[in-house]
C-alpha atoms as a PDB file:
ATOM      1  CA  MET A   1    -190.133  50.704 218.742  1.00  0.00           C
ATOM      2  CA  LYS A   2    -189.291  48.631 215.842  1.00  0.00           C
ATOM      3  CA  GLN A   3    -190.514  51.079 213.331  1.00  0.00           C
ATOM      4  CA  LYS A   4    -188.865  53.888 215.202  1.00  0.00           C
ATOM      5  CA  THR A   5    -185.563  52.211 214.935  1.00  0.00           C
ATOM      6  CA  GLU A   6    -186.011  51.706 211.294  1.00  0.00           C
ATOM      7  CA  VAL A   7    -186.565  55.239 210.669  1.00  0.00           C
ATOM      8  CA  LEU A   8    -183.576  56.097 212.633  1.00  0.00           C
ATOM      9  CA  LEU A   9    -181.368  53.896 210.855  1.00  0.00           C
ATOM     10  CA  LEU A  10    -182.693  54.705 207.224  1.00  0.00           C
ATOM     11  CA  SER A  11    -182.196  58.697 208.404  1.00  0.00           C
ATOM     12  CA  ALA A  12    -178.555  57.800 209.020  1.00  0.00           C
ATOM     13  CA  LEU A  13    -177.994  55.716 206.075  1.00  0.00           C
ATOM     14  CA  LEU A  14    -179.477  58.692 204.016  1.00  0.00           C
ATOM     15  CA  ALA A  15    -177.880  61.395 205.914  1.00  0.00           C
ATOM     16  CA  GLY A  16    -174.658  60.776 204.056  1.00  0.00           C
ATOM     17  CA  SER A  17    -171.905  62.790 205.816  1.00  0.00           C
ATOM     18  CA  ALA A  18    -174.423  64.114 208.459  1.00  0.00           C
ATOM     19  CA  PHE A  19    -175.671  62.003 211.277  1.00  0.00           C
ATOM     20  CA  ALA A  20    -179.179  60.967 212.715  1.00  0.00           C
ATOM     21  CA  GLN A  21    -179.480  61.736 216.349  1.00  0.00           C
ATOM     22  CA  LEU A  22    -180.312  58.469 218.498  1.00  0.00           C
ATOM     23  CA  ASP A  23    -182.702  57.914 221.380  1.00  0.00           C
ATOM     24  CA  ILE A  24    -180.508  55.601 223.649  1.00  0.00           C
ATOM     25  CA  PRO A  25    -182.773  53.059 225.894  1.00  0.00           C
ATOM     26  CA  ASN A  26    -182.177  52.164 229.444  1.00  0.00           C
ATOM     27  CA  ALA A  27    -179.616  49.521 229.744  1.00  0.00           C
ATOM     28  CA  GLY A  28    -181.061  47.288 232.586  1.00  0.00           C
ATOM     29  CA  ARG A  29    -178.453  44.772 233.230  1.00  0.00           C
ATOM     30  CA  ILE A  30    -175.379  44.809 230.931  1.00  0.00           C
ATOM     31  CA  ARG A  31    -171.942  43.296 232.079  1.00  0.00           C
ATOM     32  CA  ILE A  32    -168.745  44.177 230.281  1.00  0.00           C
ATOM     33  CA  ASP A  33    -167.456  40.894 229.310  1.00  0.00           C
ATOM     34  CA  GLY A  34    -167.034  40.933 225.709  1.00  0.00           C
ATOM     35  CA  ASN A  35    -170.230  38.809 225.310  1.00  0.00           C
ATOM     36  CA  LEU A  36    -173.212  40.550 223.770  1.00  0.00           C
ATOM     37  CA  SER A  37    -175.926  37.975 225.023  1.00  0.00           C
ATOM     38  CA  ASP A  38    -177.117  40.570 227.391  1.00  0.00           C
ATOM     39  CA  TRP A  39    -177.902  43.237 224.509  1.00  0.00           C
ATOM     40  CA  ARG A  40    -181.026  41.515 223.784  1.00  0.00           C
ATOM     41  CA  TYR A  41    -182.890  44.733 223.000  1.00  0.00           C
ATOM     42  CA  ALA A  42    -180.139  46.679 221.206  1.00  0.00           C
ATOM     43  CA  SER A  43    -180.575  48.738 218.162  1.00  0.00           C
ATOM     44  CA  TRP A  44    -177.318  48.239 215.840  1.00  0.00           C
ATOM     45  CA  ILE A  45    -176.384  51.144 213.953  1.00  0.00           C
ATOM     46  CA  PRO A  46    -174.018  50.741 211.270  1.00  0.00           C
ATOM     47  CA  ILE A  47    -170.545  52.469 211.214  1.00  0.00           C
ATOM     48  CA  GLU A  48    -169.990  53.221 207.573  1.00  0.00           C
ATOM     49  CA  SER A  49    -168.395  56.793 207.122  1.00  0.00           C
ATOM     50  CA  VAL A  50    -164.687  57.297 206.488  1.00  0.00           C
ATOM     51  CA  ILE A  51    -163.143  59.952 208.819  1.00  0.00           C
ATOM     52  CA  THR A  52    -159.707  59.611 207.211  1.00  0.00           C
ATOM     53  CA  GLY A  53    -157.365  57.339 205.304  1.00  0.00           C
ATOM     54  CA  THR A  54    -158.756  54.042 203.668  1.00  0.00           C
ATOM     55  CA  PRO A  55    -160.269  51.706 206.583  1.00  0.00           C
ATOM     56  CA  THR A  56    -160.629  48.884 203.926  1.00  0.00           C
ATOM     57  CA  ASN A  57    -159.992  46.107 206.144  1.00  0.00           C
ATOM     58  CA  ILE A  58    -163.181  46.814 208.312  1.00  0.00           C
ATOM     59  CA  SER A  59    -166.593  45.046 207.287  1.00  0.00           C
ATOM     60  CA  ASN A  60    -169.941  44.449 209.134  1.00  0.00           C
ATOM     61  CA  ALA A  61    -169.372  47.420 211.694  1.00  0.00           C
ATOM     62  CA  VAL A  62    -172.147  48.275 213.991  1.00  0.00           C
ATOM     63  CA  TRP A  63    -172.568  49.767 217.466  1.00  0.00           C
ATOM     64  CA  SER A  64    -175.075  50.048 220.027  1.00  0.00           C
ATOM     65  CA  LEU A  65    -175.732  52.333 223.078  1.00  0.00           C
ATOM     66  CA  SER A  66    -177.329  52.228 226.248  1.00  0.00           C
ATOM     67  CA  TRP A  67    -177.583  54.083 229.907  1.00  0.00           C
ATOM     68  CA  ASP A  68    -178.482  53.804 233.487  1.00  0.00           C
ATOM     69  CA  GLU A  69    -179.391  56.223 236.038  1.00  0.00           C
ATOM     70  CA  ASP A  70    -175.884  55.949 237.826  1.00  0.00           C
ATOM     71  CA  GLY A  71    -174.679  58.198 234.912  1.00  0.00           C
ATOM     72  CA  ILE A  72    -173.287  55.317 233.010  1.00  0.00           C
ATOM     73  CA  ILE A  73    -173.355  55.069 229.292  1.00  0.00           C
ATOM     74  CA  TYR A  74    -172.622  51.534 227.769  1.00  0.00           C
ATOM     75  CA  ILE A  75    -171.648  50.745 224.369  1.00  0.00           C
ATOM     76  CA  ALA A  76    -171.174  47.688 222.245  1.00  0.00           C
ATOM     77  CA  VAL A  77    -169.208  47.729 219.011  1.00  0.00           C
ATOM     78  CA  GLN A  78    -168.497  44.727 216.634  1.00  0.00           C
ATOM     79  CA  TYR A  79    -166.951  44.196 213.250  1.00  0.00           C
ATOM     80  CA  ASP A  80    -164.941  42.009 211.308  1.00  0.00           C
ATOM     81  CA  ASP A  81    -161.125  42.810 210.309  1.00  0.00           C
ATOM     82  CA  SER A  82    -159.843  41.304 207.351  1.00  0.00           C
ATOM     83  CA  ASP A  83    -155.961  42.379 208.589  1.00  0.00           C
ATOM     84  CA  VAL A  84    -155.659  42.223 212.225  1.00  0.00           C
ATOM     85  CA  VAL A  85    -152.829  44.057 213.806  1.00  0.00           C
ATOM     86  CA  LEU A  86    -152.714  44.174 217.661  1.00  0.00           C
ATOM     87  CA  LYS A  87    -150.620  46.162 220.139  1.00  0.00           C
ATOM     88  CA  LYS A  88    -147.261  45.480 220.817  1.00  0.00           C
ATOM     89  CA  ASN A  89    -144.350  47.583 219.879  1.00  0.00           C
ATOM     90  CA  ALA A  90    -145.922  48.870 216.588  1.00  0.00           C
ATOM     91  CA  ASN A  91    -146.854  52.802 216.237  1.00  0.00           C
ATOM     92  CA  MET A  92    -150.474  51.857 214.996  1.00  0.00           C
ATOM     93  CA  PHE A  93    -152.454  49.112 215.843  1.00  0.00           C
ATOM     94  CA  ASP A  94    -156.256  48.020 215.642  1.00  0.00           C
ATOM     95  CA  CYS A  95    -158.513  49.830 218.161  1.00  0.00           C
ATOM     96  CA  ILE A  96    -161.416  52.087 218.789  1.00  0.00           C
ATOM     97  CA  GLU A  97    -161.687  55.100 220.160  1.00  0.00           C
ATOM     98  CA  LEU A  98    -164.685  56.667 222.099  1.00  0.00           C
ATOM     99  CA  TYR A  99    -165.787  60.177 222.777  1.00  0.00           C
ATOM    100  CA  ALA A 100    -168.058  61.057 225.635  1.00  0.00           C
ATOM    101  CA  ARG A 101    -169.427  64.654 226.756  1.00  0.00           C
ATOM    102  CA  GLY A 102    -172.001  64.980 229.894  1.00  0.00           C
ATOM    103  CA  ASP A 103    -172.699  68.627 229.406  1.00  0.00           C
ATOM    104  CA  THR A 104    -173.309  69.478 225.959  1.00  0.00           C
ATOM    105  CA  GLY A 105    -173.259  73.230 226.861  1.00  0.00           C
ATOM    106  CA  SER A 106    -169.813  73.361 228.016  1.00  0.00           C
ATOM    107  CA  ASP A 107    -166.883  74.978 226.320  1.00  0.00           C
ATOM    108  CA  PRO A 108    -165.469  72.425 224.020  1.00  0.00           C
ATOM    109  CA  LEU A 109    -161.945  73.920 223.162  1.00  0.00           C
ATOM    110  CA  ASP A 110    -158.831  71.679 223.412  1.00  0.00           C
ATOM    111  CA  PHE A 111    -160.973  68.808 224.930  1.00  0.00           C
ATOM    112  CA  TYR A 112    -158.568  66.359 223.871  1.00  0.00           C
ATOM    113  CA  LYS A 113    -155.464  67.841 225.563  1.00  0.00           C
ATOM    114  CA  THR A 114    -157.152  68.479 228.765  1.00  0.00           C
ATOM    115  CA  GLN A 115    -160.098  65.854 228.938  1.00  0.00           C
ATOM    116  CA  THR A 116    -162.163  68.452 230.959  1.00  0.00           C
ATOM    117  CA  SER A 117    -165.097  69.098 228.941  1.00  0.00           C
ATOM    118  CA  ALA A 118    -165.217  65.922 227.359  1.00  0.00           C
ATOM    119  CA  GLN A 119    -163.417  62.751 227.318  1.00  0.00           C
ATOM    120  CA  SER A 120    -161.780  60.262 224.649  1.00  0.00           C
ATOM    121  CA  TYR A 121    -160.836  56.866 225.334  1.00  0.00           C
ATOM    122  CA  LEU A 122    -158.634  54.382 223.044  1.00  0.00           C
ATOM    123  CA  PHE A 123    -158.922  50.593 223.821  1.00  0.00           C
ATOM    124  CA  GLY A 124    -157.953  47.130 222.297  1.00  0.00           C
ATOM    125  CA  LEU A 125    -156.112  44.102 222.664  1.00  0.00           C
ATOM    126  CA  TYR A 126    -152.453  43.374 223.162  1.00  0.00           C
ATOM    127  CA  GLU A 127    -150.923  40.843 220.731  1.00  0.00           C
ATOM    128  CA  ASP A 128    -151.522  37.891 223.105  1.00  0.00           C
ATOM    129  CA  GLN A 129    -155.352  38.455 222.020  1.00  0.00           C
ATOM    130  CA  THR A 130    -156.729  38.251 225.728  1.00  0.00           C
ATOM    131  CA  THR A 131    -155.437  41.311 227.520  1.00  0.00           C
ATOM    132  CA  GLU A 132    -157.101  44.749 227.087  1.00  0.00           C
ATOM    133  CA  TRP A 133    -155.287  47.900 227.205  1.00  0.00           C
ATOM    134  CA  LEU A 134    -156.917  51.340 227.588  1.00  0.00           C
ATOM    135  CA  GLN A 135    -155.758  55.126 227.855  1.00  0.00           C
ATOM    136  CA  MET A 136    -157.574  58.416 227.937  1.00  0.00           C
ATOM    137  CA  GLY A 137    -156.820  61.129 225.273  1.00  0.00           C
ATOM    138  CA  PRO A 138    -153.129  61.727 225.329  1.00  0.00           C
ATOM    139  CA  PHE A 139    -152.522  60.198 228.884  1.00  0.00           C
ATOM    140  CA  LYS A 140    -151.043  56.797 228.648  1.00  0.00           C
ATOM    141  CA  GLU A 141    -152.318  55.905 232.378  1.00  0.00           C
ATOM    142  CA  LEU A 142    -155.774  56.185 233.015  1.00  0.00           C
ATOM    143  CA  PRO A 143    -156.505  58.613 235.942  1.00  0.00           C
ATOM    144  CA  LYS A 144    -157.365  56.111 238.892  1.00  0.00           C
ATOM    145  CA  HIS A 145    -160.534  58.172 239.738  1.00  0.00           C
ATOM    146  CA  ASN A 146    -161.948  57.311 236.358  1.00  0.00           C
ATOM    147  CA  PRO A 147    -164.204  53.936 236.610  1.00  0.00           C
ATOM    148  CA  ILE A 148    -164.450  53.248 232.816  1.00  0.00           C
ATOM    149  CA  ASN A 149    -164.712  49.341 232.380  1.00  0.00           C
ATOM    150  CA  VAL A 150    -163.878  47.705 228.819  1.00  0.00           C
ATOM    151  CA  ALA A 151    -163.693  44.236 227.492  1.00  0.00           C
ATOM    152  CA  VAL A 152    -162.508  43.096 223.887  1.00  0.00           C
ATOM    153  CA  THR A 153    -162.729  39.765 222.524  1.00  0.00           C
ATOM    154  CA  LEU A 154    -161.484  38.357 219.239  1.00  0.00           C
ATOM    155  CA  GLY A 155    -162.681  35.506 217.438  1.00  0.00           C
ATOM    156  CA  GLY A 156    -161.077  34.714 214.266  1.00  0.00           C
ATOM    157  CA  ASN A 157    -161.181  38.110 212.512  1.00  0.00           C
ATOM    158  CA  HIS A 158    -164.345  39.220 214.607  1.00  0.00           C
ATOM    159  CA  PHE A 159    -163.846  41.766 216.949  1.00  0.00           C
ATOM    160  CA  ILE A 160    -166.491  42.681 219.862  1.00  0.00           C
ATOM    161  CA  TYR A 161    -165.680  45.480 222.185  1.00  0.00           C
ATOM    162  CA  GLU A 162    -167.791  46.704 225.209  1.00  0.00           C
ATOM    163  CA  ALA A 163    -167.506  49.630 227.732  1.00  0.00           C
ATOM    164  CA  ALA A 164    -168.881  51.336 230.768  1.00  0.00           C
ATOM    165  CA  VAL A 165    -168.375  54.863 230.698  1.00  0.00           C
ATOM    166  CA  GLN A 166    -168.967  57.438 233.580  1.00  0.00           C
ATOM    167  CA  LEU A 167    -170.163  60.944 232.201  1.00  0.00           C
ATOM    168  CA  TYR A 168    -168.924  64.028 233.619  1.00  0.00           C
ATOM    169  CA  ASP A 169    -170.090  67.767 233.312  1.00  0.00           C
ATOM    170  CA  THR A 170    -166.362  68.414 234.091  1.00  0.00           C
ATOM    171  CA  PHE A 171    -163.554  65.989 234.594  1.00  0.00           C
ATOM    172  CA  ASP A 172    -159.987  66.878 236.076  1.00  0.00           C
ATOM    173  CA  PRO A 173    -157.475  64.161 235.294  1.00  0.00           C
ATOM    174  CA  LYS A 174    -155.519  65.076 238.551  1.00  0.00           C
ATOM    175  CA  ASP A 175    -157.968  65.862 241.093  1.00  0.00           C
ATOM    176  CA  GLU A 176    -161.149  63.828 241.679  1.00  0.00           C
ATOM    177  CA  ASN A 177    -162.514  66.662 244.018  1.00  0.00           C
ATOM    178  CA  GLU A 178    -162.810  68.897 240.923  1.00  0.00           C
ATOM    179  CA  SER A 179    -164.679  66.321 238.803  1.00  0.00           C
ATOM    180  CA  SER A 180    -168.271  66.800 238.287  1.00  0.00           C
ATOM    181  CA  GLU A 181    -170.314  63.572 237.494  1.00  0.00           C
ATOM    182  CA  SER A 182    -173.196  63.896 235.196  1.00  0.00           C
ATOM    183  CA  GLU A 183    -176.949  63.387 236.287  1.00  0.00           C
ATOM    184  CA  ILE A 184    -178.671  61.241 234.319  1.00  0.00           C
ATOM    185  CA  TYR A 185    -182.333  60.953 233.387  1.00  0.00           C
ATOM    186  CA  ALA A 186    -184.766  60.210 230.563  1.00  0.00           C
ATOM    187  CA  GLU A 187    -185.050  62.846 228.080  1.00  0.00           C
ATOM    188  CA  ARG A 188    -181.586  64.366 228.718  1.00  0.00           C
ATOM    189  CA  GLU A 189    -179.353  65.184 225.968  1.00  0.00           C
ATOM    190  CA  ILE A 190    -175.781  63.934 225.946  1.00  0.00           C
ATOM    191  CA  ALA A 191    -172.857  63.676 223.535  1.00  0.00           C
ATOM    192  CA  PHE A 192    -171.286  60.113 222.586  1.00  0.00           C
ATOM    193  CA  ASP A 193    -169.424  59.009 219.445  1.00  0.00           C
ATOM    194  CA  ILE A 194    -167.307  56.244 218.018  1.00  0.00           C
ATOM    195  CA  ALA A 195    -164.256  55.525 215.649  1.00  0.00           C
ATOM    196  CA  ILE A 196    -162.769  52.383 214.695  1.00  0.00           C
ATOM    197  CA  ILE A 197    -158.964  52.749 214.097  1.00  0.00           C
ATOM    198  CA  ASP A 198    -157.916  50.283 211.118  1.00  0.00           C
ATOM    199  CA  VAL A 199    -154.446  49.443 210.444  1.00  0.00           C
ATOM    200  CA  GLY A 200    -152.993  47.001 207.998  1.00  0.00           C
ATOM    201  CA  LYS A 201    -149.781  45.051 208.473  1.00  0.00           C
ATOM    202  CA  ASP A 202    -148.476  47.270 205.367  1.00  0.00           C
ATOM    203  CA  GLY A 203    -149.036  50.355 207.206  1.00  0.00           C
ATOM    204  CA  SER A 204    -152.128  51.109 205.331  1.00  0.00           C
ATOM    205  CA  GLY A 205    -155.546  52.013 207.124  1.00  0.00           C
ATOM    206  CA  GLY A 206    -157.535  54.593 208.129  1.00  0.00           C
ATOM    207  CA  ILE A 207    -160.374  55.675 210.651  1.00  0.00           C
ATOM    208  CA  LEU A 208    -164.162  54.631 210.158  1.00  0.00           C
ATOM    209  CA  GLY A 209    -166.986  56.294 212.087  1.00  0.00           C
ATOM    210  CA  TYR A 210    -170.731  56.503 212.685  1.00  0.00           C
ATOM    211  CA  ASN A 211    -170.306  59.928 211.167  1.00  0.00           C
ATOM    212  CA  ASP A 212    -167.489  61.692 209.216  1.00  0.00           C
ATOM    213  CA  ARG A 213    -166.681  64.372 211.969  1.00  0.00           C
ATOM    214  CA  LYS A 214    -163.392  64.775 213.007  1.00  0.00           C
ATOM    215  CA  LYS A 215    -164.055  64.498 217.140  1.00  0.00           C
ATOM    216  CA  ARG A 216    -160.416  65.242 218.080  1.00  0.00           C
ATOM    217  CA  ALA A 217    -160.725  68.810 216.699  1.00  0.00           C
ATOM    218  CA  GLY A 218    -163.384  69.725 219.073  1.00  0.00           C
ATOM    219  CA  ALA A 219    -165.965  68.303 221.516  1.00  0.00           C
ATOM    220  CA  ASP A 220    -168.606  70.251 219.473  1.00  0.00           C
ATOM    221  CA  GLN A 221    -168.013  67.740 216.689  1.00  0.00           C
ATOM    222  CA  ILE A 222    -169.154  64.745 218.864  1.00  0.00           C
ATOM    223  CA  ALA A 223    -172.755  63.420 218.110  1.00  0.00           C
ATOM    224  CA  GLU A 224    -175.584  64.334 220.592  1.00  0.00           C
ATOM    225  CA  HIS A 225    -178.156  62.017 221.494  1.00  0.00           C
ATOM    226  CA  THR A 226    -181.247  61.755 223.842  1.00  0.00           C
ATOM    227  CA  LEU A 227    -181.643  59.268 226.515  1.00  0.00           C
ATOM    228  CA  GLU A 228    -185.029  57.692 226.547  1.00  0.00           C
ATOM    229  CA  GLU A 229    -186.962  55.437 229.099  1.00  0.00           C
END
């Protein structure tokens, strides 16, 4: 497994603007609490591709993925931020955005507006440095029938993000009965991606990703991965 992980990491580094497909391990037991001690077998993948702007405040950015048979994808992200800006009344602030797509054969058009064929989540910390905020795509209030669970910790300038995300073949933000959860099993291909939104106190910043694709443009821009045993 170590050799396989090293090959994946090397492929990601050599690919430039492309991205390597990841094999995502089964989660076992992971608690969403902002503590990564239960990610003992994680493969940490660099987040180094600039999507837009100049996210120069971010360093040592990595992420990891895992899954379980209940259709849940687990994600952990950690990085250092030399200029922390947290949510209060500002128009922009430091946070991350997740992109999830259970059915990679679905029609991805306008997914960011409807959240039907794929879902995107923004989350981070309020200015008190302890309280998380969360939204789905353009919807300020998360639909009550979406069970996403997130945690964020900030120690000095080091961020840790965790999330447990339900995968859907289709999702209706207004009607739980019209939503269809994805069936999850080993060797299935899913789409999942990450972006770090970096904002400086002077208004500078940008977006950093695992790849340089602009995911909001379409769900077909979300990186695809394979679930392993």
